[in-house]
Amino acid sequence: LHLAMGPWNHGGEIGDGSSLGPLKFSQDTGLQFR
């Protein structure tokens, strides 16, 4: 069993994870996860 968690909305891990609303993460967290 493994667990991954990221700063995404519902299903956001399959898209662009660079930001969410006003939050900017300075990296594409979705792409990094994938």
PDB file of all heavy atoms in Angstrom:
ATOM      1  N   LEU A   1       0.825  -1.202   0.000  1.00  0.00           N
ATOM      2  CA  LEU A   1       0.000   0.000   0.000  1.00  0.00           C
ATOM      3  C   LEU A   1       0.864   1.258   0.000  1.00  0.00           C
ATOM      4  O   LEU A   1       1.794   1.389   0.797  1.00  0.00           O
ATOM      5  CB  LEU A   1      -0.903   0.003   1.235  1.00  0.00           C
ATOM      6  CG  LEU A   1      -1.958   1.101   1.317  1.00  0.00           C
ATOM      7  CD1 LEU A   1      -2.980   0.960   0.195  1.00  0.00           C
ATOM      8  CD2 LEU A   1      -2.657   1.059   2.678  1.00  0.00           C
ATOM      9  N   HIS A   2       0.531   2.181  -0.909  1.00  0.00           N
ATOM     10  CA  HIS A   2       1.193   3.478  -0.974  1.00  0.00           C
ATOM     11  C   HIS A   2       0.131   4.571  -0.949  1.00  0.00           C
ATOM     12  O   HIS A   2      -1.022   4.359  -1.346  1.00  0.00           O
ATOM     13  CB  HIS A   2       2.025   3.606  -2.250  1.00  0.00           C
ATOM     14  CG  HIS A   2       3.183   2.657  -2.315  1.00  0.00           C
ATOM     15  ND1 HIS A   2       4.456   2.996  -1.903  1.00  0.00           N
ATOM     16  CD2 HIS A   2       3.253   1.373  -2.734  1.00  0.00           C
ATOM     17  CE1 HIS A   2       5.264   1.961  -2.081  1.00  0.00           C
ATOM     18  NE2 HIS A   2       4.551   0.965  -2.572  1.00  0.00           N
ATOM     19  N   LEU A   3       0.558   5.756  -0.519  1.00  0.00           N
ATOM     20  CA  LEU A   3      -0.333   6.917  -0.462  1.00  0.00           C
ATOM     21  C   LEU A   3       0.367   8.106  -1.100  1.00  0.00           C
ATOM     22  O   LEU A   3       1.540   8.374  -0.810  1.00  0.00           O
ATOM     23  CB  LEU A   3      -0.690   7.239   0.992  1.00  0.00           C
ATOM     24  CG  LEU A   3      -1.470   8.530   1.257  1.00  0.00           C
ATOM     25  CD1 LEU A   3      -2.866   8.455   0.652  1.00  0.00           C
ATOM     26  CD2 LEU A   3      -1.560   8.794   2.765  1.00  0.00           C
ATOM     27  N   ALA A   4      -0.359   8.792  -1.978  1.00  0.00           N
ATOM     28  CA  ALA A   4       0.131  10.050  -2.544  1.00  0.00           C
ATOM     29  C   ALA A   4      -0.912  11.116  -2.285  1.00  0.00           C
ATOM     30  O   ALA A   4      -2.104  10.877  -2.459  1.00  0.00           O
ATOM     31  CB  ALA A   4       0.396   9.908  -4.041  1.00  0.00           C
ATOM     32  N   MET A   5      -0.474  12.289  -1.861  1.00  0.00           N
ATOM     33  CA  MET A   5      -1.414  13.403  -1.662  1.00  0.00           C
ATOM     34  C   MET A   5      -0.789  14.675  -2.218  1.00  0.00           C
ATOM     35  O   MET A   5       0.412  14.898  -2.105  1.00  0.00           O
ATOM     36  CB  MET A   5      -1.797  13.553  -0.190  1.00  0.00           C
ATOM     37  CG  MET A   5      -0.690  13.985   0.737  1.00  0.00           C
ATOM     38  SD  MET A   5      -1.311  14.257   2.427  1.00  0.00           S
ATOM     39  CE  MET A   5      -1.587  12.575   2.961  1.00  0.00           C
ATOM     40  N   GLY A   6      -1.655  15.474  -2.850  1.00  0.00           N
ATOM     41  CA  GLY A   6      -1.163  16.689  -3.474  1.00  0.00           C
ATOM     42  C   GLY A   6      -2.130  17.837  -3.313  1.00  0.00           C
ATOM     43  O   GLY A   6      -3.270  17.665  -2.846  1.00  0.00           O
ATOM     44  N   PRO A   7      -1.746  19.034  -3.757  1.00  0.00           N
ATOM     45  CA  PRO A   7      -2.549  20.246  -3.558  1.00  0.00           C
ATOM     46  C   PRO A   7      -3.573  20.432  -4.662  1.00  0.00           C
ATOM     47  O   PRO A   7      -3.620  21.468  -5.324  1.00  0.00           O
ATOM     48  CB  PRO A   7      -1.487  21.344  -3.599  1.00  0.00           C
ATOM     49  CG  PRO A   7      -0.512  20.837  -4.622  1.00  0.00           C
ATOM     50  CD  PRO A   7      -0.453  19.336  -4.420  1.00  0.00           C
ATOM     51  N   TRP A   8      -4.401  19.429  -4.830  1.00  0.00           N
ATOM     52  CA  TRP A   8      -5.318  19.398  -5.971  1.00  0.00           C
ATOM     53  C   TRP A   8      -6.766  19.500  -5.501  1.00  0.00           C
ATOM     54  O   TRP A   8      -7.088  19.237  -4.353  1.00  0.00           O
ATOM     55  CB  TRP A   8      -5.143  18.090  -6.754  1.00  0.00           C
ATOM     56  CG  TRP A   8      -3.724  17.762  -7.070  1.00  0.00           C
ATOM     57  CD1 TRP A   8      -2.836  18.552  -7.748  1.00  0.00           C
ATOM     58  CD2 TRP A   8      -3.010  16.560  -6.727  1.00  0.00           C
ATOM     59  NE1 TRP A   8      -1.623  17.911  -7.853  1.00  0.00           N
ATOM     60  CE2 TRP A   8      -1.698  16.690  -7.236  1.00  0.00           C
ATOM     61  CE3 TRP A   8      -3.353  15.386  -6.060  1.00  0.00           C
ATOM     62  CZ2 TRP A   8      -0.734  15.697  -7.082  1.00  0.00           C
ATOM     63  CZ3 TRP A   8      -2.402  14.393  -5.902  1.00  0.00           C
ATOM     64  CH2 TRP A   8      -1.108  14.556  -6.420  1.00  0.00           C
ATOM     65  N   ASN A   9      -7.621  19.834  -6.451  1.00  0.00           N
ATOM     66  CA  ASN A   9      -9.041  19.679  -6.234  1.00  0.00           C
ATOM     67  C   ASN A   9      -9.435  18.248  -6.583  1.00  0.00           C
ATOM     68  O   ASN A   9      -8.568  17.385  -6.774  1.00  0.00           O
ATOM     69  CB  ASN A   9      -9.839  20.708  -7.048  1.00  0.00           C
ATOM     70  CG  ASN A   9      -9.569  20.613  -8.540  1.00  0.00           C
ATOM     71  OD1 ASN A   9      -9.003  19.635  -9.036  1.00  0.00           O
ATOM     72  ND2 ASN A   9      -9.981  21.626  -9.276  1.00  0.00           N
ATOM     73  N   HIS A  10     -10.704  17.983  -6.684  1.00  0.00           N
ATOM     74  CA  HIS A  10     -11.211  16.640  -6.971  1.00  0.00           C
ATOM     75  C   HIS A  10     -10.777  16.216  -8.376  1.00  0.00           C
ATOM     76  O   HIS A  10     -11.259  16.760  -9.372  1.00  0.00           O
ATOM     77  CB  HIS A  10     -12.733  16.657  -6.863  1.00  0.00           C
ATOM     78  CG  HIS A  10     -13.385  15.322  -6.910  1.00  0.00           C
ATOM     79  ND1 HIS A  10     -13.215  14.364  -5.940  1.00  0.00           N
ATOM     80  CD2 HIS A  10     -14.245  14.773  -7.813  1.00  0.00           C
ATOM     81  CE1 HIS A  10     -13.935  13.306  -6.231  1.00  0.00           C
ATOM     82  NE2 HIS A  10     -14.563  13.516  -7.368  1.00  0.00           N
ATOM     83  N   GLY A  11      -9.835  15.275  -8.460  1.00  0.00           N
ATOM     84  CA  GLY A  11      -9.343  14.818  -9.750  1.00  0.00           C
ATOM     85  C   GLY A  11      -8.261  15.687 -10.361  1.00  0.00           C
ATOM     86  O   GLY A  11      -7.836  15.437 -11.485  1.00  0.00           O
ATOM     87  N   GLY A  12      -7.785  16.689  -9.641  1.00  0.00           N
ATOM     88  CA  GLY A  12      -6.811  17.610 -10.199  1.00  0.00           C
ATOM     89  C   GLY A  12      -5.471  16.994 -10.525  1.00  0.00           C
ATOM     90  O   GLY A  12      -4.687  17.575 -11.281  1.00  0.00           O
ATOM     91  N   GLU A  13      -5.196  15.799 -10.009  1.00  0.00           N
ATOM     92  CA  GLU A  13      -3.910  15.161 -10.252  1.00  0.00           C
ATOM     93  C   GLU A  13      -3.700  14.740 -11.700  1.00  0.00           C
ATOM     94  O   GLU A  13      -2.572  14.482 -12.118  1.00  0.00           O
ATOM     95  CB  GLU A  13      -3.742  13.940  -9.338  1.00  0.00           C
ATOM     96  CG  GLU A  13      -4.787  12.854  -9.507  1.00  0.00           C
ATOM     97  CD  GLU A  13      -6.003  13.052  -8.616  1.00  0.00           C
ATOM     98  OE1 GLU A  13      -6.330  14.191  -8.277  1.00  0.00           O
ATOM     99  OE2 GLU A  13      -6.629  12.034  -8.263  1.00  0.00           O
ATOM    100  N   ILE A  14      -4.776  14.672 -12.500  1.00  0.00           N
ATOM    101  CA  ILE A  14      -4.602  14.280 -13.903  1.00  0.00           C
ATOM    102  C   ILE A  14      -4.472  15.497 -14.816  1.00  0.00           C
ATOM    103  O   ILE A  14      -4.346  15.334 -16.035  1.00  0.00           O
ATOM    104  CB  ILE A  14      -5.744  13.372 -14.395  1.00  0.00           C
ATOM    105  CG1 ILE A  14      -7.068  14.140 -14.486  1.00  0.00           C
ATOM    106  CG2 ILE A  14      -5.869  12.138 -13.520  1.00  0.00           C
ATOM    107  CD1 ILE A  14      -8.176  13.345 -15.170  1.00  0.00           C
ATOM    108  N   GLY A  15      -4.484  16.692 -14.238  1.00  0.00           N
ATOM    109  CA  GLY A  15      -4.382  17.902 -15.045  1.00  0.00           C
ATOM    110  C   GLY A  15      -3.174  18.732 -14.666  1.00  0.00           C
ATOM    111  O   GLY A  15      -2.191  18.242 -14.106  1.00  0.00           O
ATOM    112  N   ASP A  16      -3.258  20.018 -14.961  1.00  0.00           N
ATOM    113  CA  ASP A  16      -2.195  20.959 -14.631  1.00  0.00           C
ATOM    114  C   ASP A  16      -2.293  21.302 -13.151  1.00  0.00           C
ATOM    115  O   ASP A  16      -3.280  21.873 -12.701  1.00  0.00           O
ATOM    116  CB  ASP A  16      -2.333  22.219 -15.492  1.00  0.00           C
ATOM    117  CG  ASP A  16      -1.186  23.203 -15.291  1.00  0.00           C
ATOM    118  OD1 ASP A  16      -0.504  23.139 -14.243  1.00  0.00           O
ATOM    119  OD2 ASP A  16      -0.960  24.040 -16.189  1.00  0.00           O
ATOM    120  N   GLY A  17      -1.261  20.971 -12.395  1.00  0.00           N
ATOM    121  CA  GLY A  17      -1.257  21.220 -10.959  1.00  0.00           C
ATOM    122  C   GLY A  17      -0.358  22.359 -10.554  1.00  0.00           C
ATOM    123  O   GLY A  17       0.197  22.355  -9.444  1.00  0.00           O
ATOM    124  N   SER A  18      -0.229  23.369 -11.411  1.00  0.00           N
ATOM    125  CA  SER A  18       0.637  24.512 -11.104  1.00  0.00           C
ATOM    126  C   SER A  18      -0.005  25.476 -10.119  1.00  0.00           C
ATOM    127  O   SER A  18       0.695  26.206  -9.412  1.00  0.00           O
ATOM    128  CB  SER A  18       0.990  25.268 -12.390  1.00  0.00           C
ATOM    129  OG  SER A  18       1.599  24.419 -13.330  1.00  0.00           O
ATOM    130  N   SER A  19      -1.325  25.509 -10.089  1.00  0.00           N
ATOM    131  CA  SER A  19      -2.031  26.442  -9.222  1.00  0.00           C
ATOM    132  C   SER A  19      -3.425  25.902  -8.946  1.00  0.00           C
ATOM    133  O   SER A  19      -3.895  24.980  -9.612  1.00  0.00           O
ATOM    134  CB  SER A  19      -2.119  27.829  -9.875  1.00  0.00           C
ATOM    135  OG  SER A  19      -2.874  27.761 -11.076  1.00  0.00           O
ATOM    136  N   LEU A  20      -4.072  26.510  -7.966  1.00  0.00           N
ATOM    137  CA  LEU A  20      -5.469  26.203  -7.676  1.00  0.00           C
ATOM    138  C   LEU A  20      -6.090  27.459  -7.086  1.00  0.00           C
ATOM    139  O   LEU A  20      -5.664  27.931  -6.019  1.00  0.00           O
ATOM    140  CB  LEU A  20      -5.596  25.034  -6.693  1.00  0.00           C
ATOM    141  CG  LEU A  20      -7.035  24.608  -6.367  1.00  0.00           C
ATOM    142  CD1 LEU A  20      -7.745  24.104  -7.614  1.00  0.00           C
ATOM    143  CD2 LEU A  20      -7.060  23.542  -5.274  1.00  0.00           C
ATOM    144  N   GLY A  21      -7.079  28.014  -7.776  1.00  0.00           N
ATOM    145  CA  GLY A  21      -7.632  29.277  -7.322  1.00  0.00           C
ATOM    146  C   GLY A  21      -6.521  30.303  -7.218  1.00  0.00           C
ATOM    147  O   GLY A  21      -5.730  30.477  -8.149  1.00  0.00           O
ATOM    148  N   PRO A  22      -6.387  30.962  -6.064  1.00  0.00           N
ATOM    149  CA  PRO A  22      -5.338  31.974  -5.918  1.00  0.00           C
ATOM    150  C   PRO A  22      -3.976  31.401  -5.542  1.00  0.00           C
ATOM    151  O   PRO A  22      -2.988  32.141  -5.493  1.00  0.00           O
ATOM    152  CB  PRO A  22      -5.874  32.851  -4.786  1.00  0.00           C
ATOM    153  CG  PRO A  22      -6.631  31.889  -3.931  1.00  0.00           C
ATOM    154  CD  PRO A  22      -7.265  30.909  -4.887  1.00  0.00           C
ATOM    155  N   LEU A  23      -3.909  30.105  -5.261  1.00  0.00           N
ATOM    156  CA  LEU A  23      -2.667  29.487  -4.792  1.00  0.00           C
ATOM    157  C   LEU A  23      -1.771  29.116  -5.967  1.00  0.00           C
ATOM    158  O   LEU A  23      -2.218  28.491  -6.927  1.00  0.00           O
ATOM    159  CB  LEU A  23      -2.971  28.244  -3.956  1.00  0.00           C
ATOM    160  CG  LEU A  23      -3.916  28.426  -2.765  1.00  0.00           C
ATOM    161  CD1 LEU A  23      -4.058  27.117  -2.005  1.00  0.00           C
ATOM    162  CD2 LEU A  23      -3.418  29.540  -1.846  1.00  0.00           C
ATOM    163  N   LYS A  24      -0.504  29.476  -5.855  1.00  0.00           N
ATOM    164  CA  LYS A  24       0.476  29.150  -6.884  1.00  0.00           C
ATOM    165  C   LYS A  24       1.551  28.276  -6.250  1.00  0.00           C
ATOM    166  O   LYS A  24       2.082  28.599  -5.185  1.00  0.00           O
ATOM    167  CB  LYS A  24       1.082  30.433  -7.470  1.00  0.00           C
ATOM    168  CG  LYS A  24       0.048  31.374  -8.087  1.00  0.00           C
ATOM    169  CD  LYS A  24       0.693  32.615  -8.674  1.00  0.00           C
ATOM    170  CE  LYS A  24      -0.352  33.619  -9.148  1.00  0.00           C
ATOM    171  NZ  LYS A  24      -1.260  33.055 -10.165  1.00  0.00           N
ATOM    172  N   PHE A  25       1.884  27.173  -6.924  1.00  0.00           N
ATOM    173  CA  PHE A  25       2.781  26.189  -6.331  1.00  0.00           C
ATOM    174  C   PHE A  25       4.183  26.185  -6.938  1.00  0.00           C
ATOM    175  O   PHE A  25       5.038  25.386  -6.535  1.00  0.00           O
ATOM    176  CB  PHE A  25       2.159  24.794  -6.435  1.00  0.00           C
ATOM    177  CG  PHE A  25       0.777  24.715  -5.860  1.00  0.00           C
ATOM    178  CD1 PHE A  25      -0.299  24.304  -6.632  1.00  0.00           C
ATOM    179  CD2 PHE A  25       0.544  25.085  -4.542  1.00  0.00           C
ATOM    180  CE1 PHE A  25      -1.578  24.243  -6.110  1.00  0.00           C
ATOM    181  CE2 PHE A  25      -0.741  25.037  -4.011  1.00  0.00           C
ATOM    182  CZ  PHE A  25      -1.803  24.612  -4.795  1.00  0.00           C
ATOM    183  N   SER A  26       4.425  27.022  -7.938  1.00  0.00           N
ATOM    184  CA  SER A  26       5.754  27.167  -8.560  1.00  0.00           C
ATOM    185  C   SER A  26       6.238  25.883  -9.223  1.00  0.00           C
ATOM    186  O   SER A  26       7.431  25.704  -9.428  1.00  0.00           O
ATOM    187  CB  SER A  26       6.787  27.633  -7.510  1.00  0.00           C
ATOM    188  OG  SER A  26       6.374  28.832  -6.897  1.00  0.00           O
ATOM    189  N   GLN A  27       5.330  24.986  -9.552  1.00  0.00           N
ATOM    190  CA  GLN A  27       5.679  23.718 -10.198  1.00  0.00           C
ATOM    191  C   GLN A  27       4.377  23.044 -10.606  1.00  0.00           C
ATOM    192  O   GLN A  27       3.334  23.299 -10.008  1.00  0.00           O
ATOM    193  CB  GLN A  27       6.453  22.809  -9.235  1.00  0.00           C
ATOM    194  CG  GLN A  27       5.715  22.559  -7.927  1.00  0.00           C
ATOM    195  CD  GLN A  27       6.607  22.121  -6.798  1.00  0.00           C
ATOM    196  OE1 GLN A  27       7.162  21.029  -6.845  1.00  0.00           O
ATOM    197  NE2 GLN A  27       6.764  22.971  -5.788  1.00  0.00           N
ATOM    198  N   ASP A  28       4.449  22.189 -11.604  1.00  0.00           N
ATOM    199  CA  ASP A  28       3.261  21.448 -12.022  1.00  0.00           C
ATOM    200  C   ASP A  28       3.178  20.181 -11.178  1.00  0.00           C
ATOM    201  O   ASP A  28       3.756  19.143 -11.519  1.00  0.00           O
ATOM    202  CB  ASP A  28       3.327  21.115 -13.513  1.00  0.00           C
ATOM    203  CG  ASP A  28       2.034  20.488 -14.030  1.00  0.00           C
ATOM    204  OD1 ASP A  28       1.227  20.021 -13.211  1.00  0.00           O
ATOM    205  OD2 ASP A  28       1.840  20.443 -15.260  1.00  0.00           O
ATOM    206  N   THR A  29       2.469  20.270 -10.075  1.00  0.00           N
ATOM    207  CA  THR A  29       2.414  19.155  -9.130  1.00  0.00           C
ATOM    208  C   THR A  29       1.687  17.946  -9.706  1.00  0.00           C
ATOM    209  O   THR A  29       1.979  16.806  -9.335  1.00  0.00           O
ATOM    210  CB  THR A  29       1.727  19.593  -7.829  1.00  0.00           C
ATOM    211  OG1 THR A  29       0.381  20.016  -8.118  1.00  0.00           O
ATOM    212  CG2 THR A  29       2.479  20.755  -7.197  1.00  0.00           C
ATOM    213  N   GLY A  30       0.722  18.186 -10.615  1.00  0.00           N
ATOM    214  CA  GLY A  30       0.037  17.063 -11.248  1.00  0.00           C
ATOM    215  C   GLY A  30       0.978  16.276 -12.142  1.00  0.00           C
ATOM    216  O   GLY A  30       1.020  15.039 -12.105  1.00  0.00           O
ATOM    217  N   LEU A  31       1.747  16.983 -12.958  1.00  0.00           N
ATOM    218  CA  LEU A  31       2.712  16.330 -13.838  1.00  0.00           C
ATOM    219  C   LEU A  31       3.771  15.595 -13.026  1.00  0.00           C
ATOM    220  O   LEU A  31       4.153  14.466 -13.364  1.00  0.00           O
ATOM    221  CB  LEU A  31       3.363  17.366 -14.744  1.00  0.00           C
ATOM    222  CG  LEU A  31       4.396  16.841 -15.748  1.00  0.00           C
ATOM    223  CD1 LEU A  31       3.740  15.879 -16.728  1.00  0.00           C
ATOM    224  CD2 LEU A  31       5.059  18.001 -16.493  1.00  0.00           C
ATOM    225  N   GLN A  32       4.246  16.210 -11.948  1.00  0.00           N
ATOM    226  CA  GLN A  32       5.243  15.557 -11.107  1.00  0.00           C
ATOM    227  C   GLN A  32       4.703  14.264 -10.507  1.00  0.00           C
ATOM    228  O   GLN A  32       5.409  13.249 -10.458  1.00  0.00           O
ATOM    229  CB  GLN A  32       5.694  16.518 -10.008  1.00  0.00           C
ATOM    230  CG  GLN A  32       6.514  17.682 -10.527  1.00  0.00           C
ATOM    231  CD  GLN A  32       6.726  18.756  -9.486  1.00  0.00           C
ATOM    232  OE1 GLN A  32       5.985  18.846  -8.499  1.00  0.00           O
ATOM    233  NE2 GLN A  32       7.729  19.589  -9.690  1.00  0.00           N
ATOM    234  N   PHE A  33       3.463  14.292 -10.052  1.00  0.00           N
ATOM    235  CA  PHE A  33       2.857  13.071  -9.518  1.00  0.00           C
ATOM    236  C   PHE A  33       2.786  11.989 -10.586  1.00  0.00           C
ATOM    237  O   PHE A  33       3.158  10.829 -10.348  1.00  0.00           O
ATOM    238  CB  PHE A  33       1.461  13.372  -8.977  1.00  0.00           C
ATOM    239  CG  PHE A  33       0.579  12.162  -8.869  1.00  0.00           C
ATOM    240  CD1 PHE A  33       0.788  11.216  -7.883  1.00  0.00           C
ATOM    241  CD2 PHE A  33      -0.447  11.944  -9.789  1.00  0.00           C
ATOM    242  CE1 PHE A  33      -0.022  10.073  -7.797  1.00  0.00           C
ATOM    243  CE2 PHE A  33      -1.252  10.820  -9.707  1.00  0.00           C
ATOM    244  CZ  PHE A  33      -1.038   9.883  -8.706  1.00  0.00           C
ATOM    245  N   ARG A  34       2.323  12.348 -11.775  1.00  0.00           N
ATOM    246  CA  ARG A  34       2.161  11.337 -12.819  1.00  0.00           C
ATOM    247  C   ARG A  34       3.505  10.771 -13.261  1.00  0.00           C
ATOM    248  O   ARG A  34       3.644   9.559 -13.472  1.00  0.00           O
ATOM    249  CB  ARG A  34       1.413  11.929 -14.018  1.00  0.00           C
ATOM    250  CG  ARG A  34      -0.009  12.360 -13.695  1.00  0.00           C
ATOM    251  CD  ARG A  34      -0.821  12.684 -14.939  1.00  0.00           C
ATOM    252  NE  ARG A  34      -0.262  13.736 -15.762  1.00  0.00           N
ATOM    253  CZ  ARG A  34      -0.460  15.032 -15.592  1.00  0.00           C
ATOM    254  NH1 ARG A  34      -1.190  15.459 -14.563  1.00  0.00           N
ATOM    255  NH2 ARG A  34       0.071  15.915 -16.423  1.00  0.00           N
TER     256      ARG A  34
END
